[in-house]
Amino acid sequence: MLILLISIFILMMVISPTIALTATLNGAKLFFFNVFPALFMFSVLCNLIVSLGGIELYSKLFGGLLCKPLRLPRKCATAVIISILCGYPLGTKYSGDLYRNGDINFSTFKRLVIIASTPSPIFVIGSVGVLMLNNVTLGYILLISSYISAFILSFILKIDKSRNTININKTNRESLPFSKCFLNSVEQSISTVLMVGGFIIFFNVLCTFLNDLVFSKLPFSFVGGILAGILEMTNGCKIISTSAISMQIIIPIIAFFLTFGGLSILSQCYSFIYDLKINFLYFVKYKFLFGLINSAVAFVVFNLFSYITACTF
């Protein structure tokens, strides 16, 4: 079945090469002009922090404040902070690195990889709030809701005490000169960011064809937006934000997309942890649950904010 679908996709590209090339170029532009500048710099700096002993430092400074409420060990502070500042897929990547280096056990890793996969604040506030919804306040509501949802999810994700042993050999970190740390950070970041770029371009082409053939033909635009968002979050948010439906419905749907991520984001995140024996369906299941929780929280926060604003003014 999968081979048949791939063959159909190839046939569509052969029949409509102009659409395929245009979508590829648009995906490349989206990546190089919007994603690459921020993601590359964040990735280099985060790699440097880890290389220079940031895990131990952040554990001492922020471990109690950030990790204890989430029922996580102090050493998870680095991944949690990166998730808050940069969002996915970097939060997922560094969760995997903590387990890979022997800093956390598998039980903790399974919980952390879901909790530390919140959306980027720059994307939520800037791209969604300002550009799509034309309201920066809505961007902040969506961002705050995602953090509240991560906190709620931390109590749903069970701690598996039978997997409390670290089953990867702990890496002894050598004290390297700054120049070597910097070189390694740049090399790793290029690999990380280019992988993300590949997913963005591929799913942009796929979404373009599906939008032309399926989504745009549906009777209600928000139905096409939901289907598009399940596949690729950004396109889904764009379509939903312009739909002729109440903001009370738009906000929860976009909130779901932001934390679920769509198949594109799920693939990006999983590409950094697939070698760690974590089941893809487990990841999808709890990201879907994350999306449902965030949708409910965003609905409550939005209506509460609207009520307070109405009473005040």
C-alpha atoms as a PDB file:
ATOM      1  CA  MET A   1       0.000   0.000   0.000  1.00  0.00           C
ATOM      2  CA  LEU A   2       2.773   2.417   0.957  1.00  0.00           C
ATOM      3  CA  ILE A   3       4.680   1.626  -2.244  1.00  0.00           C
ATOM      4  CA  LEU A   4       1.504   2.308  -4.247  1.00  0.00           C
ATOM      5  CA  LEU A   5       1.029   5.723  -2.575  1.00  0.00           C
ATOM      6  CA  ILE A   6       4.660   6.667  -3.216  1.00  0.00           C
ATOM      7  CA  SER A   7       4.308   5.590  -6.853  1.00  0.00           C
ATOM      8  CA  ILE A   8       1.178   7.749  -7.225  1.00  0.00           C
ATOM      9  CA  PHE A   9       3.041  10.707  -5.712  1.00  0.00           C
ATOM     10  CA  ILE A  10       5.893  10.261  -8.213  1.00  0.00           C
ATOM     11  CA  LEU A  11       3.367  10.041 -11.061  1.00  0.00           C
ATOM     12  CA  MET A  12       1.729  13.280  -9.891  1.00  0.00           C
ATOM     13  CA  MET A  13       5.107  15.019  -9.957  1.00  0.00           C
ATOM     14  CA  VAL A  14       5.789  13.737 -13.489  1.00  0.00           C
ATOM     15  CA  ILE A  15       2.361  14.868 -14.717  1.00  0.00           C
ATOM     16  CA  SER A  16       2.643  18.293 -13.031  1.00  0.00           C
ATOM     17  CA  PRO A  17       6.372  19.149 -12.929  1.00  0.00           C
ATOM     18  CA  THR A  18       5.721  22.893 -12.664  1.00  0.00           C
ATOM     19  CA  ILE A  19       3.716  22.462  -9.460  1.00  0.00           C
ATOM     20  CA  ALA A  20       6.379  20.132  -8.054  1.00  0.00           C
ATOM     21  CA  LEU A  21       9.271  22.496  -8.851  1.00  0.00           C
ATOM     22  CA  THR A  22       7.412  25.572  -7.578  1.00  0.00           C
ATOM     23  CA  ALA A  23       6.482  23.810  -4.337  1.00  0.00           C
ATOM     24  CA  THR A  24      10.076  22.636  -3.893  1.00  0.00           C
ATOM     25  CA  LEU A  25      11.412  26.164  -4.388  1.00  0.00           C
ATOM     26  CA  ASN A  26       8.786  27.595  -2.021  1.00  0.00           C
ATOM     27  CA  GLY A  27       9.742  25.009   0.598  1.00  0.00           C
ATOM     28  CA  ALA A  28      13.420  25.849   0.129  1.00  0.00           C
ATOM     29  CA  LYS A  29      12.692  29.584   0.476  1.00  0.00           C
ATOM     30  CA  LEU A  30      10.641  28.944   3.611  1.00  0.00           C
ATOM     31  CA  PHE A  31      13.522  26.966   5.070  1.00  0.00           C
ATOM     32  CA  PHE A  32      16.429  29.242   4.124  1.00  0.00           C
ATOM     33  CA  PHE A  33      14.743  32.582   4.860  1.00  0.00           C
ATOM     34  CA  ASN A  34      12.537  31.724   7.853  1.00  0.00           C
ATOM     35  CA  VAL A  35      13.813  28.582   9.557  1.00  0.00           C
ATOM     36  CA  PHE A  36      17.543  28.341   8.894  1.00  0.00           C
ATOM     37  CA  PRO A  37      18.654  31.732  10.339  1.00  0.00           C
ATOM     38  CA  ALA A  38      17.055  31.198  13.750  1.00  0.00           C
ATOM     39  CA  LEU A  39      17.363  27.418  14.045  1.00  0.00           C
ATOM     40  CA  PHE A  40      21.031  27.303  13.020  1.00  0.00           C
ATOM     41  CA  MET A  41      22.128  29.931  15.527  1.00  0.00           C
ATOM     42  CA  PHE A  42      20.063  28.413  18.334  1.00  0.00           C
ATOM     43  CA  SER A  43      21.480  24.983  17.522  1.00  0.00           C
ATOM     44  CA  VAL A  44      25.108  26.195  17.549  1.00  0.00           C
ATOM     45  CA  LEU A  45      24.633  28.009  20.856  1.00  0.00           C
ATOM     46  CA  CYS A  46      22.811  25.077  22.469  1.00  0.00           C
ATOM     47  CA  ASN A  47      25.542  22.674  21.339  1.00  0.00           C
ATOM     48  CA  LEU A  48      28.138  24.999  22.842  1.00  0.00           C
ATOM     49  CA  ILE A  49      26.271  25.129  26.142  1.00  0.00           C
ATOM     50  CA  VAL A  50      26.221  21.324  26.335  1.00  0.00           C
ATOM     51  CA  SER A  51      29.883  21.003  25.260  1.00  0.00           C
ATOM     52  CA  LEU A  52      31.056  23.516  27.861  1.00  0.00           C
ATOM     53  CA  GLY A  53      29.324  21.789  30.779  1.00  0.00           C
ATOM     54  CA  GLY A  54      25.970  23.515  30.641  1.00  0.00           C
ATOM     55  CA  ILE A  55      24.067  20.394  31.728  1.00  0.00           C
ATOM     56  CA  GLU A  56      25.661  20.445  35.178  1.00  0.00           C
ATOM     57  CA  LEU A  57      25.370  24.243  35.502  1.00  0.00           C
ATOM     58  CA  TYR A  58      21.727  24.405  34.434  1.00  0.00           C
ATOM     59  CA  SER A  59      20.915  21.447  36.679  1.00  0.00           C
ATOM     60  CA  LYS A  60      22.166  23.387  39.692  1.00  0.00           C
ATOM     61  CA  LEU A  61      20.647  26.740  38.728  1.00  0.00           C
ATOM     62  CA  PHE A  62      17.272  25.743  37.266  1.00  0.00           C
ATOM     63  CA  GLY A  63      16.801  22.043  38.051  1.00  0.00           C
ATOM     64  CA  GLY A  64      14.688  22.598  41.146  1.00  0.00           C
ATOM     65  CA  LEU A  65      12.618  25.410  39.648  1.00  0.00           C
ATOM     66  CA  LEU A  66      11.844  23.820  36.272  1.00  0.00           C
ATOM     67  CA  CYS A  67      12.178  20.071  36.712  1.00  0.00           C
ATOM     68  CA  LYS A  68      10.680  19.385  40.123  1.00  0.00           C
ATOM     69  CA  PRO A  69       7.159  20.595  39.158  1.00  0.00           C
ATOM     70  CA  LEU A  70       7.368  18.394  36.042  1.00  0.00           C
ATOM     71  CA  ARG A  71       8.515  15.367  38.072  1.00  0.00           C
ATOM     72  CA  LEU A  72      11.799  15.246  36.172  1.00  0.00           C
ATOM     73  CA  PRO A  73      15.404  14.892  37.407  1.00  0.00           C
ATOM     74  CA  ARG A  74      17.449  18.080  37.643  1.00  0.00           C
ATOM     75  CA  LYS A  75      19.623  17.084  34.675  1.00  0.00           C
ATOM     76  CA  CYS A  76      16.614  17.518  32.399  1.00  0.00           C
ATOM     77  CA  ALA A  77      16.825  21.292  32.909  1.00  0.00           C
ATOM     78  CA  THR A  78      18.873  21.816  29.738  1.00  0.00           C
ATOM     79  CA  ALA A  79      16.327  20.109  27.466  1.00  0.00           C
ATOM     80  CA  VAL A  80      13.409  21.885  29.182  1.00  0.00           C
ATOM     81  CA  ILE A  81      15.057  25.313  28.794  1.00  0.00           C
ATOM     82  CA  ILE A  82      15.921  24.639  25.145  1.00  0.00           C
ATOM     83  CA  SER A  83      12.319  23.580  24.523  1.00  0.00           C
ATOM     84  CA  ILE A  84      10.998  26.764  26.149  1.00  0.00           C
ATOM     85  CA  LEU A  85      13.379  29.041  24.219  1.00  0.00           C
ATOM     86  CA  CYS A  86      13.656  27.229  20.877  1.00  0.00           C
ATOM     87  CA  GLY A  87      10.775  24.750  20.710  1.00  0.00           C
ATOM     88  CA  TYR A  88      10.758  21.558  18.697  1.00  0.00           C
ATOM     89  CA  PRO A  89      12.661  19.801  17.189  1.00  0.00           C
ATOM     90  CA  LEU A  90      15.613  21.027  19.307  1.00  0.00           C
ATOM     91  CA  GLY A  91      13.889  20.149  22.589  1.00  0.00           C
ATOM     92  CA  THR A  92      13.424  16.600  21.306  1.00  0.00           C
ATOM     93  CA  LYS A  93      16.997  16.385  20.020  1.00  0.00           C
ATOM     94  CA  TYR A  94      18.572  17.377  23.328  1.00  0.00           C
ATOM     95  CA  SER A  95      16.247  15.066  25.247  1.00  0.00           C
ATOM     96  CA  GLY A  96      17.681  12.253  23.163  1.00  0.00           C
ATOM     97  CA  ASP A  97      21.235  13.505  23.710  1.00  0.00           C
ATOM     98  CA  LEU A  98      20.769  13.434  27.492  1.00  0.00           C
ATOM     99  CA  TYR A  99      19.780   9.768  27.326  1.00  0.00           C
ATOM    100  CA  ARG A 100      22.453   8.992  24.734  1.00  0.00           C
ATOM    101  CA  ASN A 101      25.137  10.457  27.009  1.00  0.00           C
ATOM    102  CA  GLY A 102      23.876   8.550  30.054  1.00  0.00           C
ATOM    103  CA  ASP A 103      22.601  11.583  31.977  1.00  0.00           C
ATOM    104  CA  ILE A 104      19.045  10.222  32.313  1.00  0.00           C
ATOM    105  CA  ASN A 105      17.413   6.777  32.231  1.00  0.00           C
ATOM    106  CA  PHE A 106      14.973   5.443  29.638  1.00  0.00           C
ATOM    107  CA  SER A 107      11.876   6.066  31.766  1.00  0.00           C
ATOM    108  CA  THR A 108      12.820   9.722  32.169  1.00  0.00           C
ATOM    109  CA  PHE A 109      13.723  10.011  28.491  1.00  0.00           C
ATOM    110  CA  LYS A 110      10.281   8.734  27.413  1.00  0.00           C
ATOM    111  CA  ARG A 111       8.582  11.403  29.524  1.00  0.00           C
ATOM    112  CA  LEU A 112      11.023  14.210  28.725  1.00  0.00           C
ATOM    113  CA  VAL A 113      10.839  13.726  24.961  1.00  0.00           C
ATOM    114  CA  ILE A 114       7.095  14.513  25.084  1.00  0.00           C
ATOM    115  CA  ILE A 115       7.195  17.304  27.679  1.00  0.00           C
ATOM    116  CA  ALA A 116      10.146  19.082  26.017  1.00  0.00           C
ATOM    117  CA  SER A 117       8.456  19.304  22.619  1.00  0.00           C
ATOM    118  CA  THR A 118       6.620  22.598  22.905  1.00  0.00           C
ATOM    119  CA  PRO A 119       6.417  24.983  19.915  1.00  0.00           C
ATOM    120  CA  SER A 120       8.894  27.806  19.356  1.00  0.00           C
ATOM    121  CA  PRO A 121       7.818  31.056  21.069  1.00  0.00           C
ATOM    122  CA  ILE A 122       9.023  33.054  18.049  1.00  0.00           C
ATOM    123  CA  PHE A 123       6.753  31.033  15.763  1.00  0.00           C
ATOM    124  CA  VAL A 124       3.734  31.100  18.091  1.00  0.00           C
ATOM    125  CA  ILE A 125       3.888  34.818  18.903  1.00  0.00           C
ATOM    126  CA  GLY A 126       5.295  36.131  15.616  1.00  0.00           C
ATOM    127  CA  SER A 127       4.108  33.856  12.821  1.00  0.00           C
ATOM    128  CA  VAL A 128       0.792  32.716  14.323  1.00  0.00           C
ATOM    129  CA  GLY A 129      -0.164  35.609  16.608  1.00  0.00           C
ATOM    130  CA  VAL A 130       1.000  38.603  14.566  1.00  0.00           C
ATOM    131  CA  LEU A 131       0.999  37.379  10.948  1.00  0.00           C
ATOM    132  CA  MET A 132      -1.864  34.858  10.880  1.00  0.00           C
ATOM    133  CA  LEU A 133      -4.260  36.081  13.589  1.00  0.00           C
ATOM    134  CA  ASN A 134      -3.247  39.775  13.478  1.00  0.00           C
ATOM    135  CA  ASN A 135      -3.249  39.848  17.270  1.00  0.00           C
ATOM    136  CA  VAL A 136      -0.090  39.448  19.337  1.00  0.00           C
ATOM    137  CA  THR A 137      -2.169  38.823  22.480  1.00  0.00           C
ATOM    138  CA  LEU A 138      -3.597  35.668  20.916  1.00  0.00           C
ATOM    139  CA  GLY A 139      -0.034  34.541  20.274  1.00  0.00           C
ATOM    140  CA  TYR A 140       0.793  34.897  23.965  1.00  0.00           C
ATOM    141  CA  ILE A 141      -2.420  33.068  24.923  1.00  0.00           C
ATOM    142  CA  LEU A 142      -1.429  30.148  22.689  1.00  0.00           C
ATOM    143  CA  LEU A 143       2.130  30.098  24.047  1.00  0.00           C
ATOM    144  CA  ILE A 144       1.080  30.211  27.710  1.00  0.00           C
ATOM    145  CA  SER A 145      -1.488  27.488  27.032  1.00  0.00           C
ATOM    146  CA  SER A 146       1.199  25.201  25.603  1.00  0.00           C
ATOM    147  CA  TYR A 147       3.326  25.559  28.759  1.00  0.00           C
ATOM    148  CA  ILE A 148       0.333  24.921  31.030  1.00  0.00           C
ATOM    149  CA  SER A 149      -0.496  21.852  28.936  1.00  0.00           C
ATOM    150  CA  ALA A 150       3.069  20.526  29.285  1.00  0.00           C
ATOM    151  CA  PHE A 151       2.712  20.851  33.060  1.00  0.00           C
ATOM    152  CA  ILE A 152      -0.610  18.958  33.025  1.00  0.00           C
ATOM    153  CA  LEU A 153       0.831  16.285  30.742  1.00  0.00           C
ATOM    154  CA  SER A 154       3.736  15.691  33.146  1.00  0.00           C
ATOM    155  CA  PHE A 155       1.230  14.263  35.658  1.00  0.00           C
ATOM    156  CA  ILE A 156      -0.391  12.011  33.053  1.00  0.00           C
ATOM    157  CA  LEU A 157       2.877  10.505  31.820  1.00  0.00           C
ATOM    158  CA  LYS A 158       3.673   7.674  34.213  1.00  0.00           C
ATOM    159  CA  ILE A 159       7.102   7.135  35.732  1.00  0.00           C
ATOM    160  CA  ASP A 160       8.147   3.569  34.899  1.00  0.00           C
ATOM    161  CA  LYS A 161      10.214   2.566  37.927  1.00  0.00           C
ATOM    162  CA  SER A 162      11.149  -0.748  36.320  1.00  0.00           C
ATOM    163  CA  ARG A 163      13.212   1.165  33.734  1.00  0.00           C
ATOM    164  CA  ASN A 164      15.084   3.358  36.191  1.00  0.00           C
ATOM    165  CA  THR A 165      18.519   2.055  35.254  1.00  0.00           C
ATOM    166  CA  ILE A 166      20.539   3.865  32.629  1.00  0.00           C
ATOM    167  CA  ASN A 167      20.992   1.364  29.804  1.00  0.00           C
ATOM    168  CA  ILE A 168      23.400   3.357  27.676  1.00  0.00           C
ATOM    169  CA  ASN A 169      27.046   3.611  28.636  1.00  0.00           C
ATOM    170  CA  LYS A 170      27.638   6.948  30.274  1.00  0.00           C
ATOM    171  CA  THR A 171      29.832   9.181  28.151  1.00  0.00           C
ATOM    172  CA  ASN A 172      32.858  10.671  29.828  1.00  0.00           C
ATOM    173  CA  ARG A 173      32.971  14.238  28.568  1.00  0.00           C
ATOM    174  CA  GLU A 174      36.499  15.340  27.800  1.00  0.00           C
ATOM    175  CA  SER A 175      37.484  18.899  28.551  1.00  0.00           C
ATOM    176  CA  LEU A 176      37.975  20.272  25.033  1.00  0.00           C
ATOM    177  CA  PRO A 177      39.320  23.707  24.074  1.00  0.00           C
ATOM    178  CA  PHE A 178      36.712  26.264  23.045  1.00  0.00           C
ATOM    179  CA  SER A 179      37.836  26.191  19.400  1.00  0.00           C
ATOM    180  CA  LYS A 180      37.171  22.438  19.191  1.00  0.00           C
ATOM    181  CA  CYS A 181      33.808  22.791  20.964  1.00  0.00           C
ATOM    182  CA  PHE A 182      32.833  25.551  18.541  1.00  0.00           C
ATOM    183  CA  LEU A 183      33.869  23.513  15.488  1.00  0.00           C
ATOM    184  CA  ASN A 184      31.926  20.470  16.700  1.00  0.00           C
ATOM    185  CA  SER A 185      28.887  22.637  17.456  1.00  0.00           C
ATOM    186  CA  VAL A 186      28.848  24.129  13.953  1.00  0.00           C
ATOM    187  CA  GLU A 187      29.276  20.719  12.281  1.00  0.00           C
ATOM    188  CA  GLN A 188      26.478  19.148  14.334  1.00  0.00           C
ATOM    189  CA  SER A 189      24.202  22.141  13.754  1.00  0.00           C
ATOM    190  CA  ILE A 190      24.635  22.020   9.977  1.00  0.00           C
ATOM    191  CA  SER A 191      23.640  18.343   9.981  1.00  0.00           C
ATOM    192  CA  THR A 192      20.668  19.012  12.281  1.00  0.00           C
ATOM    193  CA  VAL A 193      19.324  21.999  10.371  1.00  0.00           C
ATOM    194  CA  LEU A 194      19.730  20.452   6.909  1.00  0.00           C
ATOM    195  CA  MET A 195      17.771  17.404   8.062  1.00  0.00           C
ATOM    196  CA  VAL A 196      14.955  19.685   9.211  1.00  0.00           C
ATOM    197  CA  GLY A 197      15.128  21.496   5.858  1.00  0.00           C
ATOM    198  CA  GLY A 198      14.683  18.233   3.985  1.00  0.00           C
ATOM    199  CA  PHE A 199      11.485  17.463   5.891  1.00  0.00           C
ATOM    200  CA  ILE A 200      10.145  20.989   5.335  1.00  0.00           C
ATOM    201  CA  ILE A 201      10.696  20.834   1.562  1.00  0.00           C
ATOM    202  CA  PHE A 202       9.268  17.309   1.211  1.00  0.00           C
ATOM    203  CA  PHE A 203       6.094  18.035   3.159  1.00  0.00           C
ATOM    204  CA  ASN A 204       5.641  21.386   1.410  1.00  0.00           C
ATOM    205  CA  VAL A 205       5.539  19.586  -1.953  1.00  0.00           C
ATOM    206  CA  LEU A 206       3.187  16.918  -0.587  1.00  0.00           C
ATOM    207  CA  CYS A 207       0.867  19.532   0.964  1.00  0.00           C
ATOM    208  CA  THR A 208       0.789  21.563  -2.259  1.00  0.00           C
ATOM    209  CA  PHE A 209      -0.396  18.590  -4.313  1.00  0.00           C
ATOM    210  CA  LEU A 210      -2.947  17.508  -1.702  1.00  0.00           C
ATOM    211  CA  ASN A 211      -4.230  21.072  -1.367  1.00  0.00           C
ATOM    212  CA  ASP A 212      -4.749  21.358  -5.128  1.00  0.00           C
ATOM    213  CA  LEU A 213      -6.335  17.932  -5.478  1.00  0.00           C
ATOM    214  CA  VAL A 214      -8.217  17.462  -2.190  1.00  0.00           C
ATOM    215  CA  PHE A 215      -8.225  20.201   0.454  1.00  0.00           C
ATOM    216  CA  SER A 216      -9.305  23.075  -1.827  1.00  0.00           C
ATOM    217  CA  LYS A 217     -12.192  20.975  -3.187  1.00  0.00           C
ATOM    218  CA  LEU A 218     -13.792  20.399   0.215  1.00  0.00           C
ATOM    219  CA  PRO A 219     -17.064  22.286   0.911  1.00  0.00           C
ATOM    220  CA  PHE A 220     -15.817  23.977   4.092  1.00  0.00           C
ATOM    221  CA  SER A 221     -12.340  25.542   4.252  1.00  0.00           C
ATOM    222  CA  PHE A 222     -11.822  24.669   7.920  1.00  0.00           C
ATOM    223  CA  VAL A 223     -12.218  20.940   7.105  1.00  0.00           C
ATOM    224  CA  GLY A 224      -9.398  21.254   4.595  1.00  0.00           C
ATOM    225  CA  GLY A 225      -7.452  23.231   7.193  1.00  0.00           C
ATOM    226  CA  ILE A 226      -7.786  20.455   9.773  1.00  0.00           C
ATOM    227  CA  LEU A 227      -6.616  17.825   7.270  1.00  0.00           C
ATOM    228  CA  ALA A 228      -3.740  20.064   6.170  1.00  0.00           C
ATOM    229  CA  GLY A 229      -2.757  20.736   9.792  1.00  0.00           C
ATOM    230  CA  ILE A 230      -2.614  17.039  10.628  1.00  0.00           C
ATOM    231  CA  LEU A 231      -0.142  16.685   7.775  1.00  0.00           C
ATOM    232  CA  GLU A 232       1.795  19.956   8.144  1.00  0.00           C
ATOM    233  CA  MET A 233       1.108  22.310  11.024  1.00  0.00           C
ATOM    234  CA  THR A 234       1.974  25.678   9.411  1.00  0.00           C
ATOM    235  CA  ASN A 235      -0.326  25.245   6.402  1.00  0.00           C
ATOM    236  CA  GLY A 236      -3.113  24.083   8.693  1.00  0.00           C
ATOM    237  CA  CYS A 237      -2.749  27.136  10.930  1.00  0.00           C
ATOM    238  CA  LYS A 238      -2.827  29.448   7.886  1.00  0.00           C
ATOM    239  CA  ILE A 239      -6.006  27.922   6.476  1.00  0.00           C
ATOM    240  CA  ILE A 240      -7.799  27.803   9.838  1.00  0.00           C
ATOM    241  CA  SER A 241      -6.825  31.407  10.691  1.00  0.00           C
ATOM    242  CA  THR A 242      -8.627  32.653   7.548  1.00  0.00           C
ATOM    243  CA  SER A 243     -11.707  30.442   7.956  1.00  0.00           C
ATOM    244  CA  ALA A 244     -15.100  32.058   8.458  1.00  0.00           C
ATOM    245  CA  ILE A 245     -15.626  30.549  11.900  1.00  0.00           C
ATOM    246  CA  SER A 246     -15.632  31.930  15.425  1.00  0.00           C
ATOM    247  CA  MET A 247     -12.339  32.722  17.135  1.00  0.00           C
ATOM    248  CA  GLN A 248     -13.552  30.471  19.967  1.00  0.00           C
ATOM    249  CA  ILE A 249     -13.176  27.580  17.513  1.00  0.00           C
ATOM    250  CA  ILE A 250     -10.072  28.839  15.692  1.00  0.00           C
ATOM    251  CA  ILE A 251      -7.943  29.158  18.850  1.00  0.00           C
ATOM    252  CA  PRO A 252      -8.452  25.558  20.122  1.00  0.00           C
ATOM    253  CA  ILE A 253      -7.813  24.099  16.649  1.00  0.00           C
ATOM    254  CA  ILE A 254      -4.586  26.068  16.186  1.00  0.00           C
ATOM    255  CA  ALA A 255      -3.557  25.187  19.754  1.00  0.00           C
ATOM    256  CA  PHE A 256      -3.958  21.505  18.886  1.00  0.00           C
ATOM    257  CA  PHE A 257      -1.803  21.892  15.774  1.00  0.00           C
ATOM    258  CA  LEU A 258       0.932  23.737  17.678  1.00  0.00           C
ATOM    259  CA  THR A 259       1.560  20.967  20.199  1.00  0.00           C
ATOM    260  CA  PHE A 260       0.655  17.950  18.052  1.00  0.00           C
ATOM    261  CA  GLY A 261       2.835  19.345  15.277  1.00  0.00           C
ATOM    262  CA  GLY A 262       1.463  17.396  12.350  1.00  0.00           C
ATOM    263  CA  LEU A 263       3.187  14.564  10.512  1.00  0.00           C
ATOM    264  CA  SER A 264       5.975  16.877   9.316  1.00  0.00           C
ATOM    265  CA  ILE A 265       7.031  17.958  12.826  1.00  0.00           C
ATOM    266  CA  LEU A 266       6.559  14.446  14.208  1.00  0.00           C
ATOM    267  CA  SER A 267       8.908  13.136  11.515  1.00  0.00           C
ATOM    268  CA  GLN A 268      11.464  15.866  12.231  1.00  0.00           C
ATOM    269  CA  CYS A 269      11.443  15.126  15.949  1.00  0.00           C
ATOM    270  CA  TYR A 270      11.512  11.358  15.577  1.00  0.00           C
ATOM    271  CA  SER A 271      14.485  11.537  13.198  1.00  0.00           C
ATOM    272  CA  PHE A 272      16.621  12.625  16.189  1.00  0.00           C
ATOM    273  CA  ILE A 273      15.536   9.793  18.501  1.00  0.00           C
ATOM    274  CA  TYR A 274      14.628   6.829  16.266  1.00  0.00           C
ATOM    275  CA  ASP A 275      17.849   5.018  17.239  1.00  0.00           C
ATOM    276  CA  LEU A 276      16.915   5.055  20.934  1.00  0.00           C
ATOM    277  CA  LYS A 277      14.324   2.264  20.777  1.00  0.00           C
ATOM    278  CA  ILE A 278      11.364   4.545  21.404  1.00  0.00           C
ATOM    279  CA  ASN A 279       8.229   3.488  19.532  1.00  0.00           C
ATOM    280  CA  PHE A 280       6.969   5.978  16.931  1.00  0.00           C
ATOM    281  CA  LEU A 281       3.341   5.212  17.807  1.00  0.00           C
ATOM    282  CA  TYR A 282       4.093   5.986  21.474  1.00  0.00           C
ATOM    283  CA  PHE A 283       5.470   9.363  20.396  1.00  0.00           C
ATOM    284  CA  VAL A 284       2.482  10.084  18.137  1.00  0.00           C
ATOM    285  CA  LYS A 285      -0.047   8.968  20.786  1.00  0.00           C
ATOM    286  CA  TYR A 286       1.245  11.299  23.476  1.00  0.00           C
ATOM    287  CA  LYS A 287       1.820  14.191  21.095  1.00  0.00           C
ATOM    288  CA  PHE A 288      -1.812  13.772  20.036  1.00  0.00           C
ATOM    289  CA  LEU A 289      -2.836  13.800  23.706  1.00  0.00           C
ATOM    290  CA  PHE A 290      -0.635  16.878  24.191  1.00  0.00           C
ATOM    291  CA  GLY A 291      -2.570  18.542  21.370  1.00  0.00           C
ATOM    292  CA  LEU A 292      -5.961  17.683  22.884  1.00  0.00           C
ATOM    293  CA  ILE A 293      -4.934  19.015  26.301  1.00  0.00           C
ATOM    294  CA  ASN A 294      -3.577  22.214  24.767  1.00  0.00           C
ATOM    295  CA  SER A 295      -6.755  22.670  22.758  1.00  0.00           C
ATOM    296  CA  ALA A 296      -8.862  22.490  25.936  1.00  0.00           C
ATOM    297  CA  VAL A 297      -6.500  24.736  27.922  1.00  0.00           C
ATOM    298  CA  ALA A 298      -6.356  27.340  25.137  1.00  0.00           C
ATOM    299  CA  PHE A 299     -10.164  27.375  24.953  1.00  0.00           C
ATOM    300  CA  VAL A 300     -10.389  28.053  28.702  1.00  0.00           C
ATOM    301  CA  VAL A 301      -7.598  30.667  28.725  1.00  0.00           C
ATOM    302  CA  PHE A 302      -9.011  32.476  25.676  1.00  0.00           C
ATOM    303  CA  ASN A 303     -12.530  32.646  27.098  1.00  0.00           C
ATOM    304  CA  LEU A 304     -11.228  33.660  30.520  1.00  0.00           C
ATOM    305  CA  PHE A 305      -9.171  36.447  28.945  1.00  0.00           C
ATOM    306  CA  SER A 306     -12.168  37.574  26.859  1.00  0.00           C
ATOM    307  CA  TYR A 307     -14.384  37.632  29.962  1.00  0.00           C
ATOM    308  CA  ILE A 308     -11.854  39.611  32.029  1.00  0.00           C
ATOM    309  CA  THR A 309     -11.317  42.067  29.153  1.00  0.00           C
ATOM    310  CA  ALA A 310     -15.073  42.542  28.705  1.00  0.00           C
ATOM    311  CA  CYS A 311     -15.567  43.151  32.435  1.00  0.00           C
ATOM    312  CA  THR A 312     -12.656  45.599  32.600  1.00  0.00           C
ATOM    313  CA  PHE A 313     -13.523  47.674  29.571  1.00  0.00           C
END
